[in-house]
Structures are given as structure tokens and as C-alpha cells.
């Protein structure tokens, strides 16, 4: 079994000792060291060039991941978790014993109950019950596995998003994509192994969601853009041709290698790989983003339009990237935070996401990619069964943050299709059966990729860290 563990303590000690030994040679060398180990541009982060493909701990069911992260927290009660009792008691006070000792961001625990304005119906042979706002997803319901009993420790957006992505509610830990590329490497030669695609108005936690934490910067996610250069700072300046750029990179590479020989800083190796990957990406990244070779019927299927910064475009781009060997893709779609007018908000977000989400599943399946591609859909927490109304803030008919119980779905990559795991109580408030914690989700994702979450560790400041911290159990019901 491979030991995915690296000890960076000795390296830091060596670097520190050599720094003090070398101080006497003058400020020029110190300045050069500072320049080479300083921050690098967005295009250079997560340079996967030369990443060896590493063997998993055990045979994997999935080779790659597309994580459709619905930032802002979709309302499970208006999409996946039909509650007839909630409809019956719409407008009534919530029972005191249900909300005892509960905390909320913007409403009182005794706020009135609010039923979903949407109707639900069953789909496929599995009988998955979905909101009328998800007509396209209903067509692929038998390929999906729903977990209705997810719960989290965080009840504000930024910490909850970071928690889902890094296993900690505080910034500074490596993200899931970093852990996966650290554990498995990447098959992409001319693209990063970990790519980030965003649509909507942005995530609350920003780059902390895809950062590499204390790992080398080569493991950080690379944000791609729908318009202009795929990656910032990637294009050559005017007047610099390929031969001039190649000569410049060769010279910079020689300087970097000499500096690495002296100080042994792993960030210098990351810098060398970053420059080389960026050079190759000047051709590969624009090609990946060019939908010109796609069948017009495929664009129509996703609802994609070339040049749009849309969730539909990002879903299609995600498929194109995994075909090119990218290991982990985060597709963030923001603005699900419906503290007011949850009905209008859910309608708008489903118009933007439902068609493309279903198209991605169907497209991957038809191309023979779904079997070894794990697709995940979900937000950072759920929404309350109680109504949020606040005249001072101009809010009415909304739902507050609800970490106690919410729904996610999974497909492909070793997932057992057509099932539902867990359930909530009759009001959709608490988990009633088979609670699934965020760390359990993380452990199961790694397991499907052939990684034991207790063995995938990284040594930092004298201790071994892991994505799941000291928690996490597999969800065997999800695994085919």
C-alpha cells in the first residue's frame, strides 16, 4: 500500500540553517531568493506538470471528480424533501420541543412553519420524489443517489463552505482537490490537475475553498475563466514570440534550479513546473475552452452558449476537461442564499442549473465516462422549515440557514444508482434516520477514488493532517 505521507519538517529546518549559513554572501543572493520564493500568479498555481500518477491505496471506483457546488445553500424542502405535514401546518408555530436549544443566523427559533410552494412528483423506476422545479433532473433520476440526512457543524456561509471543501471551518487547510491530486497525481500533461469553474456572484469563502493550505502551491486549484484568457497572466506580452519566451523560460529555469540546489525549498520546484505548465497551457487551455468542435445539439442540450459565464458552459467545460485528464473539477454556482422570496429564488436558480446538471449526467453516461467519473451536487447546508420575514431588512417568505439536515445527490464513479439514503422528520427539521456528516461524505469520496481517508495524510508542523481531521466514516449504502 503506498504511503501518501510527506515530512516537510526536515526540509524547513535545512532551509533555515542554510539561510543563516549563506547570509554573509551579501544582499544580492538574499534578494534573488526572495524573488524566486515569492507569490506566483494565478496561472502558475497548481502546476501539475510532471505530477506522477500515483497508485491508490486500493482499486478505485472513480478516476476523477466533478463537484457541482451550489454556494449559498439550496432549499432541500423546495427541491428534494417533500413534507406533506409541513404543508398541513403551514403558518403554524413550530413545536417548542423541535427547536429546543437551536441557533439561527437571522430568525427566532419559534418562527412559523412555511410549506413549499412547489408540487412534487416521483420519477423513474427508483421513484425519486423531486420538485416541479427539477424537470430535467427527473429524467436521470435513476442514475442518481440522494442523501437526505446530511448535516454539518457550521451555520454561516464562509465557514460552512470551507468546512465542506477542506474539512475545517477555518481557512488554511488544503482543499479536497488538493488532497486528491496530492494522493493520486494527474493524467493531464498540458492542463492543471485541479481546475475551478465559477458562475453566479461568487462564493462567500472565495479562494479558501480551493486553496492548497500548507501543501506546496502546485496542489492549489486553478480558476478558469469563460471569457478572455482561460487563466489570468497566461498570455505572452505583445511583441514576445514563442522562441523568445522559450529562451526566457530556459534562463529562468536555470536560475530556479540553482536556487533550489542551494536552499532546497519545494516552492522553487513548484515554480519551475508552473512556468513550464503555463507555457504549454497557452495552447491547451484555449483549445479546451473552444466549443467550436462540439455538436450544436450538445450545446443545446446543456443550454450552453460560447462565451457565456454560465453554469451550463461550466458543466460542458467540465466534461471536456475530464476528457483531457483533469483529475478534480469544482463547479461553483453562487446565489442560492434565499433569505427572502425563496420561491422566486429557487425558480431562478433551477432555470440556471437544472438542465445543465441533467445534461452532464446523460452526456457522461453516453460517452462511457460516468462509470469512473464521480459527480456530486450540493451546498454548504440547508434551509429552515420556518419562514424568515424581517421588515427592517426587507425580507419576506424566505428561509434561514439550516445545518441540521439537508440533501445532496451523487452519480457515477462507484455510486449505487437509484437509491435514497437517510430521511428527516415530518417537518424536515432534524435527521430521523441514517445521519451523514460532512466528514462522512469526504471519507466516502476519497474511498471511491481508492484512497483511505485515515491513511491519506500530510505532515505539517510536527503532526499528520488529513482531510477528515480525526473523524469520518464511510457511507457504505452509497457504494455499488
Protein backbone atom coordinates (compact mmCIF):
# COMPACT_ATOMS: atom_id res chain seq x y z
CA UNK A 1 0.00 0.00 0.00
CA UNK A 2 1.52 3.34 -0.94
CA UNK A 3 2.24 5.67 1.95
CA UNK A 4 0.89 9.05 0.88
CA UNK A 5 2.73 10.99 3.54
CA UNK A 6 5.46 13.58 3.27
CA UNK A 7 7.56 15.02 6.06
CA UNK A 8 8.28 18.69 5.46
CA UNK A 9 9.81 19.38 8.91
CA UNK A 10 13.37 18.40 7.95
CA UNK A 11 13.16 20.41 4.76
CA UNK A 12 12.18 23.56 6.62
CA UNK A 13 15.00 23.03 9.12
CA UNK A 14 17.54 22.60 6.33
CA UNK A 15 16.31 25.70 4.54
CA UNK A 16 16.51 27.76 7.73
CA UNK A 17 20.03 26.55 8.54
CA UNK A 18 21.30 27.14 5.03
CA UNK A 19 19.78 30.60 5.03
CA UNK A 20 21.80 31.62 8.10
CA UNK A 21 24.94 29.98 6.73
CA UNK A 22 24.58 31.91 3.48
CA UNK A 23 23.73 35.31 4.92
CA UNK A 24 27.32 36.52 4.64
CA UNK A 25 27.41 36.43 0.83
CA UNK A 26 25.53 39.71 0.54
CA UNK A 27 22.07 41.09 -0.10
CA UNK A 28 22.04 40.17 -3.79
CA UNK A 29 21.66 36.48 -3.09
CA UNK A 30 19.02 37.10 -0.40
CA UNK A 31 17.08 39.30 -2.82
CA UNK A 32 17.23 36.62 -5.51
CA UNK A 33 16.00 34.01 -3.03
CA UNK A 34 13.16 36.28 -2.02
CA UNK A 35 12.17 36.91 -5.64
CA UNK A 36 12.13 33.23 -6.51
CA UNK A 37 10.15 32.13 -3.44
CA UNK A 38 7.60 34.95 -3.61
CA UNK A 39 3.95 34.71 -4.70
CA UNK A 40 3.16 33.43 -8.17
CA UNK A 41 0.35 34.38 -10.49
CA UNK A 42 -3.00 32.61 -10.69
CA UNK A 43 -1.91 30.82 -13.84
CA UNK A 44 1.01 29.24 -12.04
CA UNK A 45 -0.83 27.84 -9.05
CA UNK A 46 -1.31 24.09 -9.00
CA UNK A 47 1.19 23.46 -11.77
CA UNK A 48 0.62 19.77 -12.34
CA UNK A 49 3.39 19.38 -14.91
CA UNK A 50 5.41 16.33 -14.01
CA UNK A 51 2.90 15.14 -11.41
CA UNK A 52 3.36 11.38 -11.41
CA UNK A 53 0.19 9.31 -11.48
CA UNK A 54 0.26 7.55 -8.14
CA UNK A 55 -1.34 4.23 -7.31
CA UNK A 56 -4.32 4.43 -4.93
CA UNK A 57 -4.40 2.55 -1.65
CA UNK A 58 -6.81 0.02 -3.18
CA UNK A 59 -8.65 -0.40 -6.51
CA UNK A 60 -10.60 2.76 -7.26
CA UNK A 61 -14.17 3.02 -8.49
CA UNK A 62 -13.71 6.60 -9.69
CA UNK A 63 -10.79 8.19 -11.51
CA UNK A 64 -11.94 11.80 -11.40
CA UNK A 65 -14.44 14.12 -9.71
CA UNK A 66 -16.81 16.86 -10.88
CA UNK A 67 -18.18 18.64 -7.81
CA UNK A 68 -21.18 20.87 -8.58
CA UNK A 69 -21.12 23.10 -5.50
CA UNK A 70 -24.27 25.18 -5.04
CA UNK A 71 -22.89 28.04 -2.96
CA UNK A 72 -25.39 29.80 -0.73
CA UNK A 73 -27.24 26.62 0.30
CA UNK A 74 -30.24 25.43 -1.77
CA UNK A 75 -33.51 24.75 -0.01
CA UNK A 76 -33.86 20.98 0.26
CA UNK A 77 -37.51 21.46 1.25
CA UNK A 78 -38.29 23.08 -2.09
CA UNK A 79 -36.25 20.69 -4.23
CA UNK A 80 -35.84 17.18 -2.80
CA UNK A 81 -37.51 16.67 0.57
CA UNK A 82 -41.30 16.76 0.21
CA UNK A 83 -43.10 17.24 3.55
CA UNK A 84 -46.92 16.82 3.50
CA UNK A 85 -47.08 17.51 7.26
CA UNK A 86 -45.27 20.80 6.74
CA UNK A 87 -47.92 21.69 4.17
CA UNK A 88 -50.68 20.77 6.62
CA UNK A 89 -49.28 23.04 9.34
CA UNK A 90 -48.21 25.90 7.08
CA UNK A 91 -48.24 29.15 9.09
CA UNK A 92 -48.41 27.39 12.47
CA UNK A 93 -45.85 27.92 15.23
CA UNK A 94 -43.10 25.34 15.25
CA UNK A 95 -43.40 22.96 18.24
CA UNK A 96 -41.18 24.09 21.10
CA UNK A 97 -39.58 20.68 21.60
CA UNK A 98 -38.43 20.65 17.96
CA UNK A 99 -36.41 23.87 18.20
CA UNK A 100 -35.12 23.50 21.75
CA UNK A 101 -31.51 24.76 22.08
CA UNK A 102 -31.29 25.58 18.36
CA UNK A 103 -29.39 28.59 16.96
CA UNK A 104 -30.13 30.52 13.76
CA UNK A 105 -28.45 33.29 11.86
CA UNK A 106 -31.40 35.61 11.20
CA UNK A 107 -34.67 34.26 12.66
CA UNK A 108 -36.06 33.26 16.02
CA UNK A 109 -36.42 29.53 16.61
CA UNK A 110 -40.18 29.98 17.19
CA UNK A 111 -40.84 31.43 13.71
CA UNK A 112 -43.88 29.99 11.92
CA UNK A 113 -43.64 26.98 9.65
CA UNK A 114 -43.66 27.56 5.89
CA UNK A 115 -44.65 24.91 3.36
CA UNK A 116 -43.05 24.63 -0.04
CA UNK A 117 -44.97 26.43 -2.79
CA UNK A 118 -43.95 23.72 -5.25
CA UNK A 119 -45.53 20.38 -6.05
CA UNK A 120 -43.51 17.14 -6.00
CA UNK A 121 -43.77 14.01 -8.14
CA UNK A 122 -41.99 10.68 -8.45
CA UNK A 123 -39.59 9.88 -11.27
CA UNK A 124 -38.12 6.77 -12.87
CA UNK A 125 -38.13 3.23 -11.58
CA UNK A 126 -36.49 4.43 -8.38
CA UNK A 127 -39.48 6.64 -7.58
CA UNK A 128 -37.27 9.56 -6.58
CA UNK A 129 -39.54 12.40 -5.46
CA UNK A 130 -38.47 15.73 -6.92
CA UNK A 131 -39.82 19.25 -7.06
CA UNK A 132 -41.52 20.54 -10.18
CA UNK A 133 -38.54 22.93 -10.41
CA UNK A 134 -36.33 19.98 -11.47
CA UNK A 135 -37.98 18.54 -14.60
CA UNK A 136 -34.69 17.77 -16.35
CA UNK A 137 -33.13 16.09 -13.33
CA UNK A 138 -36.17 13.84 -13.12
CA UNK A 139 -35.18 12.33 -16.48
CA UNK A 140 -31.91 11.00 -14.99
CA UNK A 141 -33.26 10.21 -11.51
CA UNK A 142 -32.42 6.51 -11.83
CA UNK A 143 -28.73 7.40 -12.25
CA UNK A 144 -28.64 9.37 -9.01
CA UNK A 145 -28.25 8.55 -5.33
CA UNK A 146 -29.82 11.01 -2.89
CA UNK A 147 -28.69 11.55 0.69
CA UNK A 148 -31.41 13.39 2.63
CA UNK A 149 -29.73 13.27 6.02
CA UNK A 150 -26.56 15.33 5.56
CA UNK A 151 -25.65 17.59 8.49
CA UNK A 152 -22.78 19.96 9.24
CA UNK A 153 -21.13 21.72 12.16
CA UNK A 154 -21.22 25.19 10.57
CA UNK A 155 -24.17 27.57 10.14
CA UNK A 156 -22.62 30.55 8.34
CA UNK A 157 -21.70 30.50 4.68
CA UNK A 158 -17.94 31.04 4.56
CA UNK A 159 -17.04 28.62 7.38
CA UNK A 160 -19.51 26.03 6.06
CA UNK A 161 -18.13 26.23 2.52
CA UNK A 162 -14.57 25.95 3.78
CA UNK A 163 -15.61 23.04 6.02
CA UNK A 164 -17.09 21.11 3.10
CA UNK A 165 -14.06 21.74 0.92
CA UNK A 166 -11.21 21.42 3.43
CA UNK A 167 -12.55 19.57 6.47
CA UNK A 168 -12.06 22.61 8.70
CA UNK A 169 -14.23 25.65 9.32
CA UNK A 170 -11.17 27.89 9.37
CA UNK A 171 -9.05 28.89 6.36
CA UNK A 172 -5.61 27.42 5.89
CA UNK A 173 -6.21 23.71 5.27
CA UNK A 174 -5.77 22.01 1.88
CA UNK A 175 -8.94 21.66 -0.16
CA UNK A 176 -10.39 18.38 -1.37
CA UNK A 177 -8.99 18.85 -4.87
CA UNK A 178 -5.55 19.43 -3.36
CA UNK A 179 -5.79 16.24 -1.31
CA UNK A 180 -6.90 14.24 -4.35
CA UNK A 181 -4.13 15.50 -6.65
CA UNK A 182 -1.62 15.05 -3.83
CA UNK A 183 -2.78 11.45 -3.37
CA UNK A 184 -3.26 10.42 -6.99
CA UNK A 185 -1.36 12.86 -9.19
CA UNK A 186 -2.81 13.86 -12.53
CA UNK A 187 -3.15 12.39 -16.01
CA UNK A 188 -3.28 15.87 -17.60
CA UNK A 189 0.02 16.79 -19.21
CA UNK A 190 -0.89 20.23 -20.54
CA UNK A 191 -3.60 21.28 -18.07
CA UNK A 192 -3.76 21.56 -14.28
CA UNK A 193 -4.95 18.52 -12.38
CA UNK A 194 -7.30 20.64 -10.26
CA UNK A 195 -9.48 23.24 -12.01
CA UNK A 196 -12.05 25.66 -10.57
CA UNK A 197 -15.02 26.99 -12.58
CA UNK A 198 -17.35 29.63 -11.13
CA UNK A 199 -20.66 31.18 -12.13
CA UNK A 200 -23.10 33.39 -10.27
CA UNK A 201 -22.00 36.20 -7.98
CA UNK A 202 -19.13 34.41 -6.22
CA UNK A 203 -18.68 32.22 -3.16
CA UNK A 204 -18.57 33.57 0.39
CA UNK A 205 -15.27 31.85 1.18
CA UNK A 206 -13.59 32.65 -2.14
CA UNK A 207 -10.20 31.12 -2.81
CA UNK A 208 -10.08 29.41 0.60
CA UNK A 209 -12.41 26.83 -0.96
CA UNK A 210 -9.78 25.67 -3.45
CA UNK A 211 -6.54 26.64 -1.71
CA UNK A 212 -3.67 24.25 -1.01
CA UNK A 213 -3.24 25.31 2.62
CA UNK A 214 0.13 24.16 3.94
CA UNK A 215 0.82 21.95 0.92
CA UNK A 216 3.07 23.25 -1.86
CA UNK A 217 1.31 25.65 -4.22
CA UNK A 218 1.41 23.11 -7.04
CA UNK A 219 -1.65 21.49 -5.42
CA UNK A 220 -3.82 24.61 -5.44
CA UNK A 221 -6.89 24.83 -7.71
CA UNK A 222 -6.55 26.89 -10.89
CA UNK A 223 -9.55 29.14 -11.68
CA UNK A 224 -10.53 29.10 -15.36
CA UNK A 225 -12.46 31.97 -16.97
CA UNK A 226 -15.14 31.77 -19.65
CA UNK A 227 -14.02 34.93 -21.48
CA UNK A 228 -10.62 36.23 -22.49
CA UNK A 229 -7.59 34.26 -21.37
CA UNK A 230 -8.60 30.99 -19.73
CA UNK A 231 -6.18 31.74 -16.91
CA UNK A 232 -5.01 35.16 -15.78
CA UNK A 233 -1.42 36.11 -16.66
CA UNK A 234 -1.14 33.24 -19.14
CA UNK A 235 -0.80 35.13 -22.44
CA UNK A 236 2.56 36.48 -23.57
CA UNK A 237 3.04 40.26 -23.66
CA UNK A 238 2.80 41.95 -27.06
CA UNK A 239 5.99 41.55 -29.07
CA UNK A 240 7.14 38.37 -27.29
CA UNK A 241 7.07 35.38 -29.64
CA UNK A 242 7.30 31.70 -28.69
CA UNK A 243 11.05 31.42 -29.32
CA UNK A 244 11.79 34.45 -27.14
CA UNK A 245 9.51 33.13 -24.44
CA UNK A 246 11.15 29.69 -24.59
CA UNK A 247 14.60 31.22 -24.20
CA UNK A 248 13.42 33.32 -21.26
CA UNK A 249 11.87 30.31 -19.52
CA UNK A 250 15.05 28.29 -20.02
CA UNK A 251 17.10 31.03 -18.36
CA UNK A 252 14.59 31.39 -15.50
CA UNK A 253 14.59 27.61 -15.11
CA UNK A 254 18.38 27.52 -14.77
CA UNK A 255 18.26 30.24 -12.10
CA UNK A 256 15.49 28.44 -10.24
CA UNK A 257 17.30 25.11 -10.32
CA UNK A 258 20.46 26.72 -8.98
CA UNK A 259 18.48 28.33 -6.19
CA UNK A 260 16.80 25.01 -5.39
CA UNK A 261 20.22 23.35 -5.21
CA UNK A 262 21.26 25.90 -2.59
CA UNK A 263 18.17 26.15 -0.35
CA UNK A 264 16.08 23.07 -1.18
CA UNK A 265 12.79 24.96 -0.99
CA UNK A 266 9.98 22.83 -2.57
CA UNK A 267 8.22 26.02 -3.68
CA UNK A 268 11.04 26.54 -6.19
CA UNK A 269 10.28 23.16 -7.77
CA UNK A 270 6.64 24.21 -7.91
CA UNK A 271 7.73 27.45 -9.62
CA UNK A 272 9.72 25.55 -12.27
CA UNK A 273 6.76 23.28 -13.04
CA UNK A 274 4.42 26.29 -13.01
CA UNK A 275 6.33 28.16 -15.69
CA UNK A 276 6.54 25.07 -17.89
CA UNK A 277 2.85 24.23 -17.49
CA UNK A 278 1.86 27.82 -18.22
CA UNK A 279 3.93 27.69 -21.42
CA UNK A 280 2.10 24.57 -22.62
CA UNK A 281 -1.28 25.88 -21.45
CA UNK A 282 -1.02 28.81 -23.86
CA UNK A 283 -2.13 26.27 -26.48
CA UNK A 284 -4.03 23.65 -24.47
CA UNK A 285 -6.26 25.93 -22.36
CA UNK A 286 -7.80 27.92 -25.26
CA UNK A 287 -8.40 24.64 -27.09
CA UNK A 288 -10.23 23.18 -24.09
CA UNK A 289 -12.47 26.25 -23.86
CA UNK A 290 -13.26 26.29 -27.57
CA UNK A 291 -16.73 24.81 -28.07
CA UNK A 292 -16.45 25.12 -31.86
CA UNK A 293 -15.94 21.39 -32.34
CA UNK A 294 -18.97 20.48 -30.24
CA UNK A 295 -22.12 19.30 -31.97
CA UNK A 296 -24.68 22.16 -31.87
CA UNK A 297 -27.11 19.65 -30.40
CA UNK A 298 -24.75 19.17 -27.45
CA UNK A 299 -24.67 22.92 -26.79
CA UNK A 300 -28.46 22.98 -26.95
CA UNK A 301 -28.68 20.01 -24.62
CA UNK A 302 -26.67 21.80 -21.93
CA UNK A 303 -28.13 25.21 -22.67
CA UNK A 304 -24.56 26.39 -23.30
CA UNK A 305 -23.61 29.45 -25.32
CA UNK A 306 -19.95 30.09 -26.23
CA UNK A 307 -18.51 32.99 -24.27
CA UNK A 308 -21.12 32.97 -21.51
CA UNK A 309 -20.05 32.86 -17.90
CA UNK A 310 -22.78 30.35 -17.09
CA UNK A 311 -23.25 27.17 -15.13
CA UNK A 312 -24.27 25.46 -18.39
CA UNK A 313 -20.97 26.39 -20.04
CA UNK A 314 -19.06 25.23 -16.98
CA UNK A 315 -20.77 21.82 -16.96
CA UNK A 316 -19.87 21.30 -20.61
CA UNK A 317 -16.34 22.55 -19.98
CA UNK A 318 -16.03 20.15 -17.04
CA UNK A 319 -16.81 17.25 -19.35
CA UNK A 320 -14.20 18.49 -21.84
CA UNK A 321 -11.59 18.86 -19.10
CA UNK A 322 -12.00 15.36 -17.71
CA UNK A 323 -11.64 14.05 -21.26
CA UNK A 324 -8.24 15.77 -21.21
CA UNK A 325 -7.11 14.13 -17.98
CA UNK A 326 -8.03 16.72 -15.34
CA UNK A 327 -8.45 14.93 -12.01
CA UNK A 328 -10.70 17.23 -9.95
CA UNK A 329 -13.07 19.99 -11.05
CA UNK A 330 -15.04 22.31 -8.78
CA UNK A 331 -18.02 23.97 -10.49
CA UNK A 332 -19.28 26.66 -8.13
CA UNK A 333 -22.66 28.26 -8.79
CA UNK A 334 -23.49 31.01 -6.33
CA UNK A 335 -26.51 32.95 -5.08
CA UNK A 336 -28.65 30.19 -3.53
CA UNK A 337 -28.92 32.21 -0.31
CA UNK A 338 -32.67 32.89 -0.27
CA UNK A 339 -33.43 34.71 2.97
CA UNK A 340 -36.30 36.37 1.12
CA UNK A 341 -38.62 35.18 -1.66
CA UNK A 342 -37.41 31.59 -1.61
CA UNK A 343 -39.99 30.76 -4.28
CA UNK A 344 -38.63 33.26 -6.79
CA UNK A 345 -35.04 32.48 -5.88
CA UNK A 346 -35.39 28.73 -6.33
CA UNK A 347 -37.15 29.23 -9.66
CA UNK A 348 -34.31 31.41 -10.93
CA UNK A 349 -31.52 29.11 -9.75
CA UNK A 350 -33.19 26.00 -11.16
CA UNK A 351 -33.56 27.69 -14.54
CA UNK A 352 -29.80 28.20 -14.46
CA UNK A 353 -28.76 24.75 -13.22
CA UNK A 354 -31.35 22.00 -13.72
CA UNK A 355 -30.92 21.46 -17.46
CA UNK A 356 -27.13 21.50 -17.42
CA UNK A 357 -26.85 19.21 -14.37
CA UNK A 358 -29.03 16.59 -16.02
CA UNK A 359 -27.28 17.03 -19.38
CA UNK A 360 -23.90 16.43 -17.75
CA UNK A 361 -25.07 13.11 -16.28
CA UNK A 362 -26.64 11.95 -19.55
CA UNK A 363 -23.68 13.10 -21.65
CA UNK A 364 -21.10 11.39 -19.43
CA UNK A 365 -23.16 8.20 -19.49
CA UNK A 366 -23.46 8.16 -23.28
CA UNK A 367 -19.72 8.71 -23.67
CA UNK A 368 -18.84 5.90 -21.27
CA UNK A 369 -17.37 8.34 -18.76
CA UNK A 370 -19.91 8.19 -15.95
CA UNK A 371 -18.76 4.81 -14.63
CA UNK A 372 -15.43 6.24 -13.49
CA UNK A 373 -16.39 9.91 -13.00
CA UNK A 374 -17.89 10.83 -9.64
CA UNK A 375 -20.40 13.70 -9.88
CA UNK A 376 -21.51 15.47 -6.69
CA UNK A 377 -24.25 18.11 -6.25
CA UNK A 378 -24.91 20.06 -3.06
CA UNK A 379 -24.46 23.20 -0.98
CA UNK A 380 -22.87 24.02 2.36
CA UNK A 381 -26.04 23.48 4.43
CA UNK A 382 -29.84 23.54 4.01
CA UNK A 383 -32.73 25.90 4.76
CA UNK A 384 -35.17 26.07 7.65
CA UNK A 385 -38.75 24.75 7.62
CA UNK A 386 -39.64 28.06 9.28
CA UNK A 387 -40.23 31.29 7.42
CA UNK A 388 -37.86 34.24 7.54
CA UNK A 389 -39.57 37.62 7.41
CA UNK A 390 -37.93 40.85 8.52
CA UNK A 391 -39.41 44.19 7.52
CA UNK A 392 -36.31 46.06 8.65
CA UNK A 393 -34.12 44.04 6.29
CA UNK A 394 -36.79 43.95 3.58
CA UNK A 395 -37.17 40.17 3.79
CA UNK A 396 -40.30 38.07 3.49
CA UNK A 397 -41.15 34.47 2.63
CA UNK A 398 -37.54 33.35 2.90
CA UNK A 399 -35.71 30.56 4.72
CA UNK A 400 -32.76 30.85 7.10
CA UNK A 401 -29.59 28.74 7.37
CA UNK A 402 -30.20 25.16 8.48
CA UNK A 403 -27.18 22.95 9.23
CA UNK A 404 -29.21 20.22 10.96
CA UNK A 405 -30.44 18.39 7.84
CA UNK A 406 -30.20 18.83 4.08
CA UNK A 407 -29.94 16.90 0.81
CA UNK A 408 -27.16 16.11 -1.68
CA UNK A 409 -27.04 13.85 -4.70
CA UNK A 410 -24.28 11.73 -6.25
CA UNK A 411 -23.83 9.89 -9.54
CA UNK A 412 -21.31 7.67 -11.34
CA UNK A 413 -17.89 6.64 -10.05
CA UNK A 414 -18.97 3.62 -7.99
CA UNK A 415 -22.17 5.18 -6.62
CA UNK A 416 -25.17 2.88 -6.28
CA UNK A 417 -27.79 4.48 -8.55
CA UNK A 418 -31.49 4.88 -7.90
CA UNK A 419 -31.34 4.93 -4.10
CA UNK A 420 -32.11 7.32 -1.26
CA UNK A 421 -30.11 7.29 1.97
CA UNK A 422 -31.49 8.75 5.18
CA UNK A 423 -34.57 10.77 5.95
CA UNK A 424 -35.67 13.74 8.02
CA UNK A 425 -38.56 14.09 10.45
CA UNK A 426 -42.07 15.02 9.30
CA UNK A 427 -41.24 18.74 9.34
CA UNK A 428 -37.88 18.35 7.63
CA UNK A 429 -36.16 19.74 10.69
CA UNK A 430 -33.96 17.01 12.18
CA UNK A 431 -32.41 13.86 10.76
CA UNK A 432 -34.71 10.96 11.60
CA UNK A 433 -32.73 8.12 10.05
CA UNK A 434 -29.11 7.50 9.00
CA UNK A 435 -27.32 10.78 9.76
CA UNK A 436 -24.46 11.54 7.36
CA UNK A 437 -21.87 14.09 8.48
CA UNK A 438 -19.71 16.21 6.16
CA UNK A 439 -16.65 14.18 7.18
CA UNK A 440 -18.54 11.01 6.18
CA UNK A 441 -19.12 12.50 2.72
CA UNK A 442 -15.42 13.36 2.43
CA UNK A 443 -14.34 9.89 3.58
CA UNK A 444 -16.65 8.25 1.04
CA UNK A 445 -15.44 10.44 -1.84
CA UNK A 446 -11.83 9.51 -1.09
CA UNK A 447 -12.79 5.84 -0.77
CA UNK A 448 -14.40 5.83 -4.22
CA UNK A 449 -11.11 7.22 -5.55
CA UNK A 450 -9.23 4.36 -3.93
CA UNK A 451 -7.91 6.40 -1.00
CA UNK A 452 -8.24 5.51 2.67
CA UNK A 453 -9.11 8.78 4.40
CA UNK A 454 -7.25 7.71 7.55
CA UNK A 455 -4.05 7.00 5.60
CA UNK A 456 -4.01 9.98 3.24
CA UNK A 457 -2.01 12.30 5.49
CA UNK A 458 0.37 15.25 5.20
CA UNK A 459 2.87 16.15 7.91
CA UNK A 460 2.89 19.80 8.88
CA UNK A 461 4.36 21.44 11.99
CA UNK A 462 5.06 18.11 13.62
CA UNK A 463 1.71 16.39 13.17
CA UNK A 464 -0.14 14.46 10.48
CA UNK A 465 -3.16 16.20 8.96
CA UNK A 466 -5.91 14.68 6.86
CA UNK A 467 -8.99 15.91 5.03
CA UNK A 468 -11.36 14.37 7.57
CA UNK A 469 -9.36 15.56 10.59
CA UNK A 470 -9.92 12.79 13.18
CA UNK A 471 -13.49 11.98 12.12
CA UNK A 472 -15.37 10.44 9.22
CA UNK A 473 -16.97 7.08 8.49
CA UNK A 474 -17.81 5.59 5.10
CA UNK A 475 -21.38 5.64 3.85
CA UNK A 476 -21.48 2.06 2.50
CA UNK A 477 -25.09 2.40 1.36
CA UNK A 478 -23.86 4.79 -1.36
CA UNK A 479 -21.27 2.37 -2.78
CA UNK A 480 -22.30 0.00 -5.57
